[in-house]
Amino acid sequence: QVQLVESGGGLVQPGESLRLSCVASEFAISTSFMSWYRQRPGKERELVAGRAGANITASVKGRFTMSRDDAKKTVYLQMINLEPEDTAVYYCNYGGHGGYWGQGTQVTVSS
């Protein structure tokens, strides 16, 4: 059983930055299996950064960067130049859709 704990969400103004963190439990083999998803209000959950950061969705490319630290079993999502459309609950995932999910962290971008 892999447990994931996200942190770092909050309320920011447009143009500001946030960095999300996700720590995996000891049963996680590698951070290469971890991804970031988000669910915007009224929308389905969507992939933001997959394949350990090698796959960034087009709508956030150039603004979001995923990085990872295997020793800490932690992945990060650095978000810059945030837009109101980035408002969502951000989820950490291990192992794809059939895998494990964190509880989510709320990001709200509003002036």
N, C-alpha and C. Protein backbone atom coordinates (compact mmCIF):
# COMPACT_ATOMS: atom_id res chain seq x y z
N GLN A 1 0.86 -1.19 0.00
CA GLN A 1 0.00 0.00 0.00
C GLN A 1 0.89 1.24 0.00
N VAL A 2 0.71 2.08 -1.02
CA VAL A 2 1.48 3.31 -1.11
C VAL A 2 0.61 4.46 -0.63
N GLN A 3 1.11 5.22 0.29
CA GLN A 3 0.40 6.41 0.75
C GLN A 3 1.11 7.65 0.22
N LEU A 4 0.31 8.64 -0.15
CA LEU A 4 0.82 9.87 -0.73
C LEU A 4 0.26 11.05 0.04
N VAL A 5 1.11 12.00 0.37
CA VAL A 5 0.66 13.17 1.11
C VAL A 5 1.14 14.43 0.38
N GLU A 6 0.17 15.19 -0.10
CA GLU A 6 0.48 16.44 -0.79
C GLU A 6 0.47 17.60 0.18
N SER A 7 1.19 18.64 -0.18
CA SER A 7 1.18 19.88 0.60
C SER A 7 1.61 21.02 -0.30
N GLY A 8 1.40 22.23 0.18
CA GLY A 8 1.87 23.40 -0.54
C GLY A 8 0.81 24.22 -1.24
N GLY A 9 -0.42 23.75 -1.21
CA GLY A 9 -1.48 24.51 -1.86
C GLY A 9 -1.82 25.77 -1.09
N GLY A 10 -2.67 26.61 -1.69
CA GLY A 10 -3.07 27.82 -1.02
C GLY A 10 -3.75 28.79 -1.95
N LEU A 11 -3.96 29.98 -1.46
CA LEU A 11 -4.59 31.05 -2.23
C LEU A 11 -3.52 32.03 -2.68
N VAL A 12 -3.42 32.25 -3.97
CA VAL A 12 -2.45 33.19 -4.51
C VAL A 12 -3.14 34.08 -5.54
N GLN A 13 -2.46 35.15 -5.87
CA GLN A 13 -2.97 36.06 -6.89
C GLN A 13 -2.44 35.66 -8.27
N PRO A 14 -3.12 36.04 -9.32
CA PRO A 14 -2.61 35.74 -10.67
C PRO A 14 -1.20 36.27 -10.84
N GLY A 15 -0.38 35.45 -11.48
CA GLY A 15 1.01 35.81 -11.71
C GLY A 15 1.97 35.32 -10.64
N GLU A 16 1.43 34.88 -9.52
CA GLU A 16 2.28 34.40 -8.44
C GLU A 16 2.66 32.92 -8.65
N SER A 17 3.46 32.44 -7.73
CA SER A 17 3.99 31.07 -7.85
C SER A 17 3.65 30.24 -6.61
N LEU A 18 3.66 28.94 -6.80
CA LEU A 18 3.51 27.99 -5.70
C LEU A 18 4.35 26.76 -6.02
N ARG A 19 4.78 26.07 -4.98
CA ARG A 19 5.41 24.78 -5.18
C ARG A 19 4.69 23.75 -4.33
N LEU A 20 4.17 22.74 -5.01
CA LEU A 20 3.51 21.63 -4.33
C LEU A 20 4.52 20.52 -4.08
N SER A 21 4.31 19.81 -3.00
CA SER A 21 5.14 18.65 -2.67
C SER A 21 4.26 17.43 -2.46
N CYS A 22 4.80 16.29 -2.76
CA CYS A 22 4.11 15.03 -2.50
C CYS A 22 5.12 14.02 -1.99
N VAL A 23 4.88 13.54 -0.81
CA VAL A 23 5.77 12.54 -0.20
C VAL A 23 5.10 11.18 -0.25
N ALA A 24 5.83 10.20 -0.76
CA ALA A 24 5.31 8.84 -0.84
C ALA A 24 5.82 8.01 0.34
N SER A 25 5.02 7.02 0.70
CA SER A 25 5.41 6.15 1.81
C SER A 25 6.54 5.21 1.40
N GLU A 26 7.03 4.49 2.36
CA GLU A 26 8.19 3.62 2.15
C GLU A 26 7.95 2.53 1.11
N PHE A 27 6.69 2.23 0.82
CA PHE A 27 6.40 1.16 -0.13
C PHE A 27 6.50 1.61 -1.58
N ALA A 28 6.69 2.90 -1.80
CA ALA A 28 6.87 3.39 -3.16
C ALA A 28 8.26 2.99 -3.64
N ILE A 29 8.29 2.36 -4.81
CA ILE A 29 9.56 1.86 -5.33
C ILE A 29 10.40 2.99 -5.88
N SER A 30 9.77 3.88 -6.64
CA SER A 30 10.52 4.95 -7.29
C SER A 30 9.59 6.10 -7.60
N THR A 31 10.13 7.30 -7.55
CA THR A 31 9.33 8.47 -7.93
C THR A 31 9.08 8.53 -9.43
N SER A 32 9.73 7.68 -10.21
CA SER A 32 9.49 7.67 -11.65
C SER A 32 8.07 7.20 -11.97
N PHE A 33 7.40 6.59 -11.00
CA PHE A 33 6.02 6.16 -11.22
C PHE A 33 4.99 7.21 -10.78
N MET A 34 5.45 8.41 -10.43
CA MET A 34 4.56 9.41 -9.86
C MET A 34 4.22 10.50 -10.86
N SER A 35 3.01 11.01 -10.71
CA SER A 35 2.51 12.05 -11.60
C SER A 35 1.68 13.04 -10.80
N TRP A 36 1.39 14.17 -11.43
CA TRP A 36 0.48 15.16 -10.85
C TRP A 36 -0.75 15.28 -11.74
N TYR A 37 -1.91 15.30 -11.10
CA TYR A 37 -3.17 15.53 -11.77
C TYR A 37 -3.85 16.73 -11.09
N ARG A 38 -4.88 17.23 -11.73
CA ARG A 38 -5.70 18.26 -11.09
C ARG A 38 -7.15 18.09 -11.51
N GLN A 39 -8.03 18.59 -10.66
CA GLN A 39 -9.45 18.60 -10.98
C GLN A 39 -9.97 20.01 -10.76
N ARG A 40 -10.26 20.65 -11.86
CA ARG A 40 -10.80 22.01 -11.79
C ARG A 40 -12.29 21.94 -11.51
N PRO A 41 -12.89 23.01 -10.97
CA PRO A 41 -14.33 23.00 -10.64
C PRO A 41 -15.17 22.63 -11.86
N GLY A 42 -16.01 21.65 -11.71
CA GLY A 42 -16.91 21.24 -12.78
C GLY A 42 -16.25 20.46 -13.90
N LYS A 43 -14.98 20.12 -13.74
CA LYS A 43 -14.25 19.39 -14.79
C LYS A 43 -13.81 18.02 -14.29
N GLU A 44 -13.44 17.18 -15.22
CA GLU A 44 -12.89 15.89 -14.85
C GLU A 44 -11.41 16.04 -14.45
N ARG A 45 -10.95 15.07 -13.72
CA ARG A 45 -9.56 15.07 -13.33
C ARG A 45 -8.69 14.93 -14.58
N GLU A 46 -7.61 15.71 -14.63
CA GLU A 46 -6.75 15.70 -15.81
C GLU A 46 -5.29 15.61 -15.41
N LEU A 47 -4.51 15.03 -16.30
CA LEU A 47 -3.08 14.92 -16.08
C LEU A 47 -2.42 16.28 -16.26
N VAL A 48 -1.56 16.63 -15.34
CA VAL A 48 -0.80 17.87 -15.44
C VAL A 48 0.66 17.57 -15.79
N ALA A 49 1.25 16.65 -15.06
CA ALA A 49 2.65 16.30 -15.29
C ALA A 49 2.80 14.81 -15.06
N GLY A 50 3.11 14.09 -16.11
CA GLY A 50 3.21 12.64 -16.01
C GLY A 50 4.61 12.14 -16.30
N ARG A 51 4.76 10.85 -16.15
CA ARG A 51 6.04 10.20 -16.43
C ARG A 51 7.18 10.92 -15.72
N ALA A 52 6.95 11.19 -14.45
CA ALA A 52 7.95 11.84 -13.60
C ALA A 52 8.38 13.19 -14.16
N GLY A 53 7.50 13.86 -14.88
CA GLY A 53 7.81 15.19 -15.38
C GLY A 53 8.18 15.24 -16.85
N ALA A 54 8.31 14.09 -17.47
CA ALA A 54 8.68 14.08 -18.89
C ALA A 54 7.51 14.49 -19.78
N ASN A 55 6.31 14.41 -19.24
CA ASN A 55 5.11 14.72 -20.03
C ASN A 55 4.34 15.81 -19.31
N ILE A 56 4.39 17.02 -19.81
CA ILE A 56 3.68 18.16 -19.23
C ILE A 56 2.54 18.53 -20.16
N THR A 57 1.35 18.66 -19.62
CA THR A 57 0.22 18.97 -20.46
C THR A 57 0.37 20.34 -21.09
N ALA A 58 -0.13 20.50 -22.29
CA ALA A 58 0.13 21.69 -23.10
C ALA A 58 -0.31 22.98 -22.41
N SER A 59 -1.42 22.93 -21.69
CA SER A 59 -1.96 24.16 -21.10
C SER A 59 -1.08 24.76 -20.01
N VAL A 60 -0.15 23.97 -19.48
CA VAL A 60 0.72 24.49 -18.43
C VAL A 60 2.19 24.44 -18.81
N LYS A 61 2.47 23.98 -19.99
CA LYS A 61 3.87 23.87 -20.42
C LYS A 61 4.52 25.25 -20.41
N GLY A 62 5.74 25.30 -19.87
CA GLY A 62 6.44 26.57 -19.75
C GLY A 62 6.16 27.27 -18.44
N ARG A 63 5.12 26.85 -17.72
CA ARG A 63 4.80 27.45 -16.43
C ARG A 63 4.94 26.45 -15.28
N PHE A 64 4.69 25.19 -15.55
CA PHE A 64 4.77 24.15 -14.51
C PHE A 64 5.95 23.25 -14.80
N THR A 65 6.64 22.89 -13.75
CA THR A 65 7.77 21.96 -13.86
C THR A 65 7.68 20.94 -12.75
N MET A 66 7.85 19.68 -13.11
CA MET A 66 7.85 18.62 -12.11
C MET A 66 9.28 18.17 -11.88
N SER A 67 9.62 18.01 -10.63
CA SER A 67 10.93 17.48 -10.29
C SER A 67 10.76 16.41 -9.21
N ARG A 68 11.82 15.67 -8.96
CA ARG A 68 11.69 14.59 -7.99
C ARG A 68 12.99 14.34 -7.24
N ASP A 69 12.82 13.80 -6.06
CA ASP A 69 13.95 13.44 -5.21
C ASP A 69 13.71 12.03 -4.72
N ASP A 70 14.37 11.07 -5.36
CA ASP A 70 14.14 9.66 -5.02
C ASP A 70 14.54 9.36 -3.59
N ALA A 71 15.59 9.98 -3.12
CA ALA A 71 16.06 9.70 -1.76
C ALA A 71 15.00 10.08 -0.74
N LYS A 72 14.25 11.12 -1.02
CA LYS A 72 13.19 11.57 -0.11
C LYS A 72 11.84 11.03 -0.50
N LYS A 73 11.79 10.27 -1.60
CA LYS A 73 10.51 9.75 -2.12
C LYS A 73 9.50 10.90 -2.28
N THR A 74 9.98 11.98 -2.83
CA THR A 74 9.18 13.20 -2.94
C THR A 74 9.22 13.72 -4.37
N VAL A 75 8.07 14.16 -4.84
CA VAL A 75 8.00 14.88 -6.11
C VAL A 75 7.45 16.27 -5.85
N TYR A 76 7.81 17.18 -6.73
CA TYR A 76 7.42 18.57 -6.58
C TYR A 76 6.75 19.03 -7.88
N LEU A 77 5.89 20.00 -7.74
CA LEU A 77 5.31 20.66 -8.89
C LEU A 77 5.50 22.16 -8.68
N GLN A 78 6.46 22.71 -9.41
CA GLN A 78 6.72 24.14 -9.34
C GLN A 78 5.81 24.83 -10.34
N MET A 79 5.02 25.75 -9.87
CA MET A 79 4.05 26.45 -10.71
C MET A 79 4.35 27.94 -10.67
N ILE A 80 4.59 28.52 -11.82
CA ILE A 80 4.85 29.95 -11.90
C ILE A 80 3.78 30.61 -12.76
N ASN A 81 3.70 31.92 -12.65
CA ASN A 81 2.76 32.68 -13.46
C ASN A 81 1.36 32.05 -13.44
N LEU A 82 0.88 31.80 -12.26
CA LEU A 82 -0.41 31.12 -12.11
C LEU A 82 -1.55 31.97 -12.65
N GLU A 83 -2.53 31.27 -13.20
CA GLU A 83 -3.70 31.91 -13.79
C GLU A 83 -4.95 31.44 -13.04
N PRO A 84 -6.02 32.23 -13.08
CA PRO A 84 -7.27 31.78 -12.43
C PRO A 84 -7.72 30.40 -12.92
N GLU A 85 -7.42 30.09 -14.17
CA GLU A 85 -7.81 28.79 -14.72
C GLU A 85 -7.04 27.63 -14.11
N ASP A 86 -6.00 27.93 -13.36
CA ASP A 86 -5.24 26.88 -12.68
C ASP A 86 -5.87 26.50 -11.35
N THR A 87 -6.92 27.21 -10.95
CA THR A 87 -7.62 26.87 -9.71
C THR A 87 -8.15 25.45 -9.78
N ALA A 88 -7.75 24.64 -8.81
CA ALA A 88 -8.12 23.22 -8.85
C ALA A 88 -7.64 22.55 -7.57
N VAL A 89 -8.10 21.34 -7.39
CA VAL A 89 -7.49 20.45 -6.39
C VAL A 89 -6.42 19.65 -7.13
N TYR A 90 -5.22 19.70 -6.62
CA TYR A 90 -4.09 19.02 -7.25
C TYR A 90 -3.81 17.72 -6.50
N TYR A 91 -3.70 16.65 -7.28
CA TYR A 91 -3.52 15.32 -6.72
C TYR A 91 -2.19 14.71 -7.17
N CYS A 92 -1.59 14.03 -6.25
CA CYS A 92 -0.41 13.24 -6.56
C CYS A 92 -0.87 11.81 -6.85
N ASN A 93 -0.21 11.18 -7.80
CA ASN A 93 -0.58 9.82 -8.19
C ASN A 93 0.65 8.94 -8.28
N TYR A 94 0.45 7.70 -7.89
CA TYR A 94 1.51 6.69 -8.04
C TYR A 94 0.95 5.51 -8.80
N GLY A 95 1.49 5.23 -9.94
CA GLY A 95 1.11 4.02 -10.66
C GLY A 95 -0.02 4.18 -11.65
N GLY A 96 -0.38 5.38 -12.00
CA GLY A 96 -1.42 5.58 -12.99
C GLY A 96 -2.81 5.52 -12.40
N HIS A 97 -3.81 5.50 -13.29
CA HIS A 97 -5.19 5.59 -12.85
C HIS A 97 -5.59 4.45 -11.93
N GLY A 98 -5.01 3.31 -12.12
CA GLY A 98 -5.34 2.17 -11.25
C GLY A 98 -4.49 2.10 -10.00
N GLY A 99 -3.69 3.13 -9.80
CA GLY A 99 -2.75 3.12 -8.68
C GLY A 99 -3.27 3.84 -7.46
N TYR A 100 -2.39 4.62 -6.86
CA TYR A 100 -2.71 5.26 -5.60
C TYR A 100 -2.80 6.78 -5.76
N TRP A 101 -3.65 7.37 -4.91
CA TRP A 101 -3.89 8.82 -4.97
C TRP A 101 -3.70 9.45 -3.61
N GLY A 102 -3.21 10.67 -3.61
CA GLY A 102 -3.18 11.44 -2.39
C GLY A 102 -4.54 12.06 -2.12
N GLN A 103 -4.63 12.80 -1.04
CA GLN A 103 -5.91 13.40 -0.66
C GLN A 103 -6.19 14.69 -1.41
N GLY A 104 -5.16 15.22 -2.06
CA GLY A 104 -5.33 16.45 -2.82
C GLY A 104 -4.99 17.68 -2.01
N THR A 105 -4.58 18.72 -2.72
CA THR A 105 -4.30 20.00 -2.09
C THR A 105 -4.92 21.09 -2.96
N GLN A 106 -5.62 21.99 -2.34
CA GLN A 106 -6.36 23.03 -3.06
C GLN A 106 -5.45 24.18 -3.45
N VAL A 107 -5.53 24.54 -4.72
CA VAL A 107 -4.85 25.73 -5.23
C VAL A 107 -5.91 26.67 -5.76
N THR A 108 -5.92 27.87 -5.24
CA THR A 108 -6.89 28.87 -5.68
C THR A 108 -6.12 30.09 -6.16
N VAL A 109 -6.40 30.47 -7.39
CA VAL A 109 -5.74 31.64 -7.99
C VAL A 109 -6.81 32.70 -8.21
N SER A 110 -6.73 33.75 -7.46
CA SER A 110 -7.77 34.77 -7.52
C SER A 110 -7.23 36.09 -7.04
N SER A 111 -7.71 37.15 -7.67
CA SER A 111 -7.33 38.49 -7.23
C SER A 111 -8.35 39.02 -6.22
